[in-house]
Amino acid sequence: TIDRDTMTQTVPEITVPLFPLVPRGSSTPALPGERLRPHIVLDLRRAVDQLKKSDIYTKKNDSGASSSWSVLHVLSPYSLDMHVMIMETSPDRYLPSLDSLSSNEEGEAVVSMCCKCLKFFSKRPNSSRVSIGWHWSPRSWGTREEQTGFQSIPTKWHAMVWNWPKFNSDMFNQVPLHSLNLPKQRVIGGTGLTSAFSSLTKTWIMCKTTKPSFLGDWEATPRGLCAAIQSTETTTEGPTLASVLEKQGFFADFLLPLSIALNDLMVFLCSSFTDMDCDKMDPILKKTEKATLSAEDLAVLRRTPQMKEKQTVIDTFVQHGLPTDVIDLFWEPMQARCKQTDGSAMMSYDVWRKGFGYAFAMTELKEERETRLSIFPGFFAGPVGVCEVMGASLVRPENYAMPPEEAAEKSKALWELADFLRASE
């Protein structure tokens, strides 16, 4: 539940229409590629064929000939100004998460690409907030999960980089929290379940990783697990997010172990509460590198798991020295999901997201001279993400595109970004 007083508060909301890319040297928007849904991206070649239509910059990674990282235009963006997706675009490479990268060198190269985009965005007018974030839910397969979003392309980990103006600017409306749909209310307003899940995540991360010097203390809140970024390399504007990403070993010493720890936590939770077999699912998903999946493989991925006895779950948590308060909070929504049949089209937002998930965001608030990291543990089914984690409601109408002249201006800025990236190679 959400606190009654919180429900009466107003929150910033931004509406961003579709942004059709205008090719370099043209004045007419190109036809967009196919809208990718989770079931489509199980066919990697089909997915990459569509994604490459949005390619504005690609760099072969020195860590391997088969590695190809691209900066992609986003048809349905987060921002009225700048938003790009950074993704590996080889048609024969399944890449569900950061810990799937081939080497630390590749990871640092990806971070560097994100950092360059952040620097470019930061210099844009009205760029009060610059952010990088991603969603993770590679094992959320099933009729329910494939309808409600989270990690939009589960077979290809991808980072989103975007900028926003101040929340009190004309680009944002102020709307009452109670007017939003339930998934948004839960993320922006915060819940006791999120607070308990964040506390569990904090305990797990602190046991499995070493906190870097630039990160403040982890804080479990009703809106997720948060920490201040306290870079010693501050500028006159404060600790820039780019300066943190540029730290030597940022990927190998921080992002990689954190990604591994979060994956291990979600696997632990799946196997503790249910008979869901992640070790069986992962090799099947890996097959997408070679061919489309068979009906038998899809049945395994989409199988509805069965709950274990509650006392068995309690015993497992106690054996691992973990807090047990989440068990009662998780129980009813997980049980509701596990009672659904594979073909169920139930659209309730009160059920567990099979496989769990999380949204990860790092944001620099330039005028406040503050940089923060947030991890929102995704428990419920429903279309929410990194924007809501940052406290704003994002509306992206699917039947309304921005005016052609506006699309041309935004496209020009993207091609300038591409030139900037090439010049910095």
Protein backbone atom coordinates (compact mmCIF):
# COMPACT_ATOMS: atom_id res chain seq x y z
CA THR A 1 0.00 0.00 0.00
CA ILE A 2 0.96 3.63 -0.52
CA ASP A 3 0.77 6.19 2.27
CA ARG A 4 -2.51 8.18 2.11
CA ASP A 5 -0.77 11.54 2.40
CA THR A 6 1.62 10.58 -0.37
CA MET A 7 -1.30 9.86 -2.70
CA THR A 8 -2.42 13.51 -2.48
CA GLN A 9 0.95 14.86 -3.61
CA THR A 10 1.66 16.07 -7.13
CA VAL A 11 4.42 14.64 -9.29
CA PRO A 12 6.09 15.91 -12.49
CA GLU A 13 4.84 14.31 -15.70
CA ILE A 14 6.30 14.65 -19.19
CA THR A 15 4.58 13.61 -22.42
CA VAL A 16 6.94 12.68 -25.26
CA PRO A 17 5.50 11.92 -28.70
CA LEU A 18 7.02 9.51 -31.20
CA PHE A 19 10.24 10.76 -32.78
CA PRO A 20 10.74 9.50 -36.37
CA LEU A 21 14.40 9.85 -37.38
CA VAL A 22 15.19 12.12 -40.33
CA PRO A 23 18.20 10.66 -42.20
CA ARG A 24 21.29 12.80 -42.58
CA GLY A 25 20.90 15.13 -45.54
CA SER A 26 17.16 14.54 -45.81
CA SER A 27 14.11 16.53 -44.74
CA THR A 28 11.73 13.58 -44.64
CA PRO A 29 11.51 11.14 -41.70
CA ALA A 30 12.46 7.58 -42.51
CA LEU A 31 9.96 4.78 -42.07
CA PRO A 32 10.54 3.37 -38.57
CA GLY A 33 11.44 -0.24 -38.04
CA GLU A 34 9.10 -2.81 -36.58
CA ARG A 35 8.12 -2.14 -32.97
CA LEU A 36 9.97 -4.78 -31.01
CA ARG A 37 8.10 -6.75 -28.37
CA PRO A 38 9.62 -9.40 -26.08
CA HIS A 39 8.43 -12.39 -28.13
CA ILE A 40 9.91 -10.86 -31.31
CA VAL A 41 13.41 -10.41 -29.87
CA LEU A 42 13.75 -14.15 -29.27
CA ASP A 43 14.59 -14.06 -32.99
CA LEU A 44 17.88 -12.16 -32.71
CA ARG A 45 18.41 -11.72 -36.43
CA ARG A 46 14.96 -10.27 -36.95
CA ALA A 47 15.42 -7.96 -33.98
CA VAL A 48 18.84 -6.71 -35.06
CA ASP A 49 17.63 -6.12 -38.63
CA GLN A 50 15.05 -3.74 -37.24
CA LEU A 51 17.39 -2.11 -34.72
CA LYS A 52 20.00 -1.31 -37.35
CA LYS A 53 17.46 0.93 -39.05
CA SER A 54 17.90 3.24 -36.05
CA ASP A 55 21.71 3.13 -36.07
CA ILE A 56 23.40 6.53 -35.90
CA TYR A 57 26.87 5.32 -34.86
CA THR A 58 28.58 1.93 -34.61
CA LYS A 59 32.04 1.07 -33.37
CA LYS A 60 33.68 -2.30 -33.65
CA ASN A 61 35.05 -3.21 -30.24
CA ASP A 62 38.74 -4.05 -30.07
CA SER A 63 38.01 -6.94 -27.71
CA GLY A 64 36.64 -9.12 -30.50
CA ALA A 65 35.73 -9.04 -34.17
CA SER A 66 32.19 -10.19 -33.45
CA SER A 67 31.52 -7.36 -31.00
CA SER A 68 29.68 -4.40 -32.48
CA TRP A 69 28.32 -1.66 -30.22
CA SER A 70 25.89 0.90 -31.59
CA VAL A 71 24.26 4.15 -30.54
CA LEU A 72 20.64 3.92 -31.65
CA HIS A 73 17.89 6.45 -32.20
CA VAL A 74 14.83 5.81 -30.02
CA LEU A 75 11.43 6.07 -31.73
CA SER A 76 9.55 6.38 -28.43
CA PRO A 77 11.98 8.41 -26.31
CA TYR A 78 12.08 9.51 -22.68
CA SER A 79 13.06 13.09 -23.47
CA LEU A 80 11.84 15.97 -25.62
CA ASP A 81 15.52 16.69 -26.28
CA MET A 82 18.11 13.86 -26.33
CA HIS A 83 17.75 10.12 -25.75
CA VAL A 84 19.76 7.28 -27.26
CA MET A 85 20.03 3.55 -26.71
CA ILE A 86 23.44 1.87 -26.52
CA MET A 87 23.38 -1.78 -27.53
CA GLU A 88 25.51 -4.58 -28.95
CA THR A 89 24.08 -5.23 -32.43
CA SER A 90 25.63 -8.47 -33.62
CA PRO A 91 22.84 -10.77 -34.91
CA ASP A 92 24.39 -13.86 -33.34
CA ARG A 93 25.12 -12.74 -29.79
CA TYR A 94 22.76 -13.25 -26.84
CA LEU A 95 23.63 -10.64 -24.23
CA PRO A 96 21.13 -10.44 -21.37
CA SER A 97 23.21 -8.49 -18.87
CA LEU A 98 26.50 -6.74 -18.16
CA ASP A 99 28.02 -9.90 -16.71
CA SER A 100 27.56 -11.53 -20.13
CA LEU A 101 30.21 -9.30 -21.72
CA SER A 102 33.29 -11.07 -23.03
CA SER A 103 35.89 -9.08 -21.08
CA ASN A 104 36.52 -6.16 -18.77
CA GLU A 105 37.95 -4.31 -21.76
CA GLU A 106 34.65 -4.59 -23.59
CA GLY A 107 32.81 -3.40 -20.49
CA GLU A 108 35.04 -0.35 -20.10
CA ALA A 109 34.54 0.47 -23.81
CA VAL A 110 30.76 0.38 -23.36
CA VAL A 111 31.00 2.64 -20.30
CA SER A 112 33.21 5.01 -22.29
CA MET A 113 30.60 5.21 -25.06
CA CYS A 114 27.90 6.02 -22.51
CA CYS A 115 30.16 8.63 -20.93
CA LYS A 116 30.73 10.42 -24.23
CA CYS A 117 26.98 10.62 -24.83
CA LEU A 118 26.49 12.03 -21.33
CA LYS A 119 29.08 14.72 -21.97
CA PHE A 120 27.41 15.72 -25.23
CA PHE A 121 23.96 15.82 -23.64
CA SER A 122 25.21 17.79 -20.66
CA LYS A 123 26.14 20.72 -22.88
CA ARG A 124 22.69 20.99 -24.42
CA PRO A 125 20.47 23.97 -23.45
CA ASN A 126 18.06 23.26 -20.58
CA SER A 127 19.93 20.07 -19.76
CA SER A 128 19.41 20.13 -16.01
CA ARG A 129 19.46 16.34 -15.51
CA VAL A 130 21.58 13.81 -17.41
CA SER A 131 21.02 10.13 -16.78
CA ILE A 132 22.06 6.64 -17.73
CA GLY A 133 19.91 3.66 -16.87
CA TRP A 134 18.71 0.22 -17.85
CA HIS A 135 16.20 -2.47 -17.04
CA TRP A 136 16.94 -6.11 -16.25
CA SER A 137 14.44 -8.98 -16.43
CA PRO A 138 15.87 -11.56 -18.87
CA ARG A 139 13.94 -14.50 -17.39
CA SER A 140 10.51 -12.86 -17.39
CA TRP A 141 8.86 -15.03 -20.02
CA GLY A 142 5.17 -15.82 -20.09
CA THR A 143 1.94 -14.39 -21.43
CA ARG A 144 1.66 -11.98 -18.50
CA GLU A 145 5.25 -10.74 -18.56
CA GLU A 146 5.48 -10.37 -22.33
CA GLN A 147 2.47 -8.02 -22.29
CA THR A 148 3.59 -5.64 -19.58
CA GLY A 149 7.13 -4.63 -20.40
CA PHE A 150 10.16 -3.97 -18.21
CA GLN A 151 13.32 -4.97 -20.06
CA SER A 152 11.94 -4.22 -23.52
CA ILE A 153 14.56 -6.30 -25.35
CA PRO A 154 15.45 -9.08 -22.89
CA THR A 155 17.88 -10.82 -25.27
CA LYS A 156 20.06 -7.70 -25.61
CA TRP A 157 21.14 -5.70 -22.57
CA HIS A 158 21.03 -2.02 -23.46
CA ALA A 159 21.68 1.27 -21.72
CA MET A 160 19.51 4.35 -22.09
CA VAL A 161 21.17 7.78 -21.97
CA TRP A 162 18.98 10.87 -21.88
CA ASN A 163 18.60 14.41 -20.55
CA TRP A 164 15.78 16.34 -18.95
CA PRO A 165 15.14 19.95 -17.94
CA LYS A 166 14.24 20.87 -14.39
CA PHE A 167 11.09 19.23 -13.06
CA ASN A 168 9.48 22.65 -12.61
CA SER A 169 10.06 23.63 -16.25
CA ASP A 170 7.26 24.10 -18.78
CA MET A 171 8.05 20.69 -20.29
CA PHE A 172 6.64 18.99 -17.18
CA ASN A 173 3.07 19.11 -15.93
CA GLN A 174 2.30 18.63 -12.25
CA VAL A 175 -0.28 15.89 -11.76
CA PRO A 176 -1.70 14.24 -8.62
CA LEU A 177 -0.13 10.90 -7.82
CA HIS A 178 -3.54 9.26 -7.46
CA SER A 179 -4.28 10.04 -11.14
CA LEU A 180 -1.50 7.69 -12.32
CA ASN A 181 -1.87 3.98 -12.97
CA LEU A 182 -1.04 1.56 -10.15
CA PRO A 183 2.48 0.57 -11.34
CA LYS A 184 3.53 4.23 -11.48
CA GLN A 185 1.95 4.96 -8.11
CA ARG A 186 3.95 2.15 -6.53
CA VAL A 187 7.29 3.33 -7.92
CA ILE A 188 6.89 7.08 -7.48
CA GLY A 189 4.92 6.97 -4.24
CA GLY A 190 6.86 4.10 -2.71
CA THR A 191 5.62 1.03 -0.84
CA GLY A 192 6.55 -1.04 2.18
CA LEU A 193 7.21 -4.01 -0.10
CA THR A 194 9.74 -1.99 -2.10
CA SER A 195 11.39 -0.84 1.13
CA ALA A 196 11.70 -4.42 2.40
CA PHE A 197 12.92 -5.70 -0.99
CA SER A 198 15.46 -2.85 -1.10
CA SER A 199 16.66 -3.75 2.40
CA LEU A 200 17.13 -7.37 1.34
CA THR A 201 18.98 -6.21 -1.78
CA LYS A 202 21.21 -3.98 0.36
CA THR A 203 22.08 -6.89 2.68
CA TRP A 204 22.88 -9.11 -0.29
CA ILE A 205 24.99 -6.50 -2.11
CA MET A 206 26.98 -5.60 0.99
CA CYS A 207 27.84 -9.27 1.52
CA LYS A 208 28.77 -9.91 -2.11
CA THR A 209 30.53 -6.72 -3.23
CA THR A 210 32.95 -4.08 -2.02
CA LYS A 211 31.55 -0.55 -1.97
CA PRO A 212 33.78 1.83 -3.96
CA SER A 213 35.07 5.02 -2.40
CA PHE A 214 32.97 7.24 -4.67
CA LEU A 215 29.69 5.74 -3.45
CA GLY A 216 27.95 6.89 -0.29
CA ASP A 217 26.11 4.56 2.07
CA TRP A 218 23.35 2.41 0.62
CA GLU A 219 19.90 3.54 1.77
CA ALA A 220 16.86 1.26 1.50
CA THR A 221 13.78 3.41 0.85
CA PRO A 222 10.16 2.87 -0.20
CA ARG A 223 11.26 3.95 -3.70
CA GLY A 224 14.26 1.65 -4.00
CA LEU A 225 17.88 1.27 -2.98
CA CYS A 226 19.76 4.56 -3.29
CA ALA A 227 23.23 5.97 -2.74
CA ALA A 228 24.87 9.32 -3.31
CA ILE A 229 27.82 9.42 -5.71
CA GLN A 230 30.58 11.29 -3.94
CA SER A 231 33.29 11.72 -6.52
CA THR A 232 36.52 13.31 -5.34
CA GLU A 233 37.00 14.58 -8.91
CA THR A 234 34.44 17.37 -8.62
CA THR A 235 34.16 20.29 -10.99
CA THR A 236 32.84 23.75 -10.17
CA GLU A 237 29.40 22.24 -10.83
CA GLY A 238 29.88 19.35 -8.41
CA PRO A 239 30.58 15.64 -8.88
CA THR A 240 29.81 15.01 -12.54
CA LEU A 241 28.46 11.62 -13.54
CA ALA A 242 30.89 11.49 -16.45
CA SER A 243 33.88 11.89 -14.12
CA VAL A 244 32.72 8.84 -12.15
CA LEU A 245 32.22 6.70 -15.24
CA GLU A 246 35.74 7.65 -16.38
CA LYS A 247 37.34 6.25 -13.26
CA GLN A 248 39.74 3.44 -14.01
CA GLY A 249 38.12 0.10 -13.21
CA PHE A 250 34.58 1.52 -12.98
CA PHE A 251 33.23 -1.47 -14.88
CA ALA A 252 35.50 -4.23 -13.56
CA ASP A 253 35.52 -3.12 -9.93
CA PHE A 254 31.97 -1.81 -9.56
CA LEU A 255 29.42 -2.42 -12.31
CA LEU A 256 30.42 -6.02 -13.07
CA PRO A 257 30.41 -7.33 -9.47
CA LEU A 258 27.19 -5.42 -8.79
CA SER A 259 25.54 -6.95 -11.86
CA ILE A 260 26.65 -10.44 -10.84
CA ALA A 261 25.38 -9.93 -7.28
CA LEU A 262 21.97 -8.72 -8.46
CA ASN A 263 21.62 -11.63 -10.88
CA ASP A 264 22.56 -14.09 -8.14
CA LEU A 265 19.99 -12.54 -5.80
CA MET A 266 17.19 -12.90 -8.36
CA VAL A 267 18.18 -16.51 -9.07
CA PHE A 268 18.23 -17.21 -5.33
CA LEU A 269 14.76 -15.71 -4.88
CA CYS A 270 13.31 -17.64 -7.84
CA SER A 271 14.67 -20.95 -6.57
CA SER A 272 13.81 -20.24 -2.93
CA PHE A 273 10.15 -19.40 -3.50
CA THR A 274 9.38 -21.55 -6.54
CA ASP A 275 10.53 -24.50 -8.65
CA MET A 276 11.58 -22.10 -11.43
CA ASP A 277 14.81 -23.51 -12.94
CA CYS A 278 17.01 -20.63 -14.10
CA ASP A 279 19.86 -23.01 -14.91
CA LYS A 280 17.57 -24.72 -17.42
CA MET A 281 16.24 -21.50 -18.91
CA ASP A 282 19.58 -19.79 -19.53
CA PRO A 283 21.00 -22.33 -22.04
CA ILE A 284 17.71 -22.24 -23.95
CA LEU A 285 17.91 -18.45 -24.25
CA LYS A 286 21.52 -18.81 -25.39
CA LYS A 287 20.22 -20.83 -28.37
CA THR A 288 18.81 -17.61 -29.84
CA GLU A 289 22.34 -16.94 -31.12
CA LYS A 290 21.98 -19.77 -33.62
CA ALA A 291 18.30 -20.17 -34.47
CA THR A 292 14.73 -19.43 -33.50
CA LEU A 293 13.50 -21.40 -30.51
CA SER A 294 11.38 -24.51 -30.84
CA ALA A 295 7.88 -24.83 -29.40
CA GLU A 296 9.34 -27.09 -26.71
CA ASP A 297 11.93 -24.47 -25.74
CA LEU A 298 9.30 -21.75 -25.60
CA ALA A 299 7.14 -23.94 -23.38
CA VAL A 300 10.02 -24.27 -20.90
CA LEU A 301 10.60 -20.50 -20.85
CA ARG A 302 6.92 -19.71 -20.42
CA ARG A 303 6.11 -22.42 -17.93
CA THR A 304 4.23 -21.23 -14.86
CA PRO A 305 6.35 -22.10 -11.82
CA GLN A 306 4.93 -23.69 -8.68
CA MET A 307 5.33 -22.30 -5.17
CA LYS A 308 7.27 -24.11 -2.48
CA GLU A 309 6.00 -24.52 1.07
CA LYS A 310 6.32 -21.31 3.06
CA GLN A 311 8.27 -22.98 5.87
CA THR A 312 10.79 -24.24 3.32
CA VAL A 313 11.29 -20.67 2.11
CA ILE A 314 11.69 -19.40 5.68
CA ASP A 315 14.27 -22.09 6.43
CA THR A 316 16.24 -21.18 3.30
CA PHE A 317 16.34 -17.50 4.23
CA VAL A 318 17.41 -18.28 7.81
CA GLN A 319 20.19 -20.58 6.55
CA HIS A 320 21.54 -17.72 4.44
CA GLY A 321 21.26 -15.15 7.23
CA LEU A 322 18.73 -13.06 5.31
CA PRO A 323 15.81 -11.04 6.70
CA THR A 324 12.53 -12.95 6.41
CA ASP A 325 10.13 -9.99 6.41
CA VAL A 326 9.85 -10.06 2.62
CA ILE A 327 8.40 -13.56 2.62
CA ASP A 328 4.92 -12.59 3.78
CA LEU A 329 4.99 -9.50 1.57
CA PHE A 330 5.95 -11.53 -1.49
CA TRP A 331 3.74 -14.53 -0.81
CA GLU A 332 0.27 -13.58 -2.02
CA PRO A 333 1.31 -11.85 -5.30
CA MET A 334 3.69 -14.70 -6.13
CA GLN A 335 1.05 -17.28 -5.33
CA ALA A 336 -1.43 -15.42 -7.57
CA ARG A 337 1.02 -15.52 -10.49
CA CYS A 338 1.84 -19.18 -9.95
CA LYS A 339 -1.85 -20.11 -10.05
CA GLN A 340 -2.20 -18.66 -13.54
CA THR A 341 -2.17 -20.99 -16.51
CA ASP A 342 0.40 -20.52 -19.28
CA GLY A 343 -2.27 -19.06 -21.55
CA SER A 344 -3.74 -16.68 -19.00
CA ALA A 345 -4.25 -13.11 -20.16
CA MET A 346 -4.95 -11.82 -16.65
CA MET A 347 -3.97 -8.15 -16.56
CA SER A 348 -3.92 -7.51 -12.82
CA TYR A 349 -0.96 -5.48 -11.59
CA ASP A 350 -1.13 -7.26 -8.23
CA VAL A 351 0.84 -10.31 -9.36
CA TRP A 352 4.53 -11.11 -9.24
CA ARG A 353 6.73 -10.55 -12.27
CA LYS A 354 8.04 -14.04 -12.95
CA GLY A 355 11.84 -14.02 -12.72
CA PHE A 356 11.97 -10.69 -10.87
CA GLY A 357 13.81 -7.69 -12.33
CA TYR A 358 15.27 -4.31 -11.50
CA ALA A 359 15.69 -0.82 -12.91
CA PHE A 360 19.10 0.81 -12.50
CA ALA A 361 19.70 4.57 -12.90
CA MET A 362 22.53 7.03 -12.32
CA THR A 363 21.56 10.69 -12.51
CA GLU A 364 23.40 13.98 -12.28
CA LEU A 365 21.33 16.94 -11.11
CA LYS A 366 23.49 19.74 -12.38
CA GLU A 367 21.98 22.72 -10.60
CA GLU A 368 21.67 20.84 -7.30
CA ARG A 369 25.31 19.69 -7.71
CA GLU A 370 24.20 16.19 -6.81
CA THR A 371 24.70 12.80 -8.43
CA ARG A 372 22.80 9.70 -7.32
CA LEU A 373 22.44 6.02 -8.05
CA SER A 374 19.13 4.18 -7.68
CA ILE A 375 18.17 0.51 -7.97
CA PHE A 376 14.48 -0.25 -8.03
CA PRO A 377 13.81 -3.98 -7.43
CA GLY A 378 11.02 -4.95 -9.81
CA PHE A 379 8.60 -7.28 -8.08
CA PHE A 380 5.18 -6.63 -9.61
CA ALA A 381 4.14 -7.10 -13.22
CA GLY A 382 3.56 -3.81 -14.94
CA PRO A 383 5.11 -1.25 -17.31
CA VAL A 384 7.40 0.91 -15.17
CA GLY A 385 11.01 1.90 -15.44
CA VAL A 386 13.93 4.19 -14.79
CA CYS A 387 11.97 7.43 -15.32
CA GLU A 388 9.51 6.58 -12.55
CA VAL A 389 12.43 5.56 -10.33
CA MET A 390 13.63 9.14 -10.67
CA GLY A 391 10.27 10.43 -9.45
CA ALA A 392 8.64 11.47 -12.73
CA SER A 393 5.77 10.06 -14.76
CA LEU A 394 6.57 9.46 -18.43
CA VAL A 395 3.76 9.36 -21.00
CA ARG A 396 4.68 8.05 -24.46
CA PRO A 397 1.65 8.02 -26.79
CA GLU A 398 1.99 5.40 -29.53
CA ASN A 399 -0.30 7.15 -32.01
CA TYR A 400 1.11 10.67 -31.98
CA ALA A 401 4.34 11.82 -33.61
CA MET A 402 6.09 15.15 -33.15
CA PRO A 403 5.82 17.70 -36.00
CA PRO A 404 8.22 17.09 -38.94
CA GLU A 405 10.20 20.27 -38.34
CA GLU A 406 10.76 19.29 -34.72
CA ALA A 407 11.81 15.78 -35.75
CA ALA A 408 14.27 17.30 -38.24
CA GLU A 409 15.80 19.51 -35.55
CA LYS A 410 16.15 16.62 -33.11
CA SER A 411 17.61 14.40 -35.83
CA LYS A 412 20.21 17.07 -36.63
CA ALA A 413 21.32 16.95 -32.98
CA LEU A 414 21.66 13.14 -33.16
CA TRP A 415 23.85 13.36 -36.26
CA GLU A 416 25.98 15.95 -34.44
CA LEU A 417 26.32 13.41 -31.64
CA ALA A 418 27.45 10.81 -34.19
CA ASP A 419 30.11 13.21 -35.50
CA PHE A 420 31.22 13.92 -31.93
CA LEU A 421 31.60 10.18 -31.23
CA ARG A 422 33.61 9.59 -34.39
CA ALA A 423 35.88 12.53 -33.64
CA SER A 424 36.56 11.15 -30.14
CA GLU A 425 37.58 7.64 -31.29
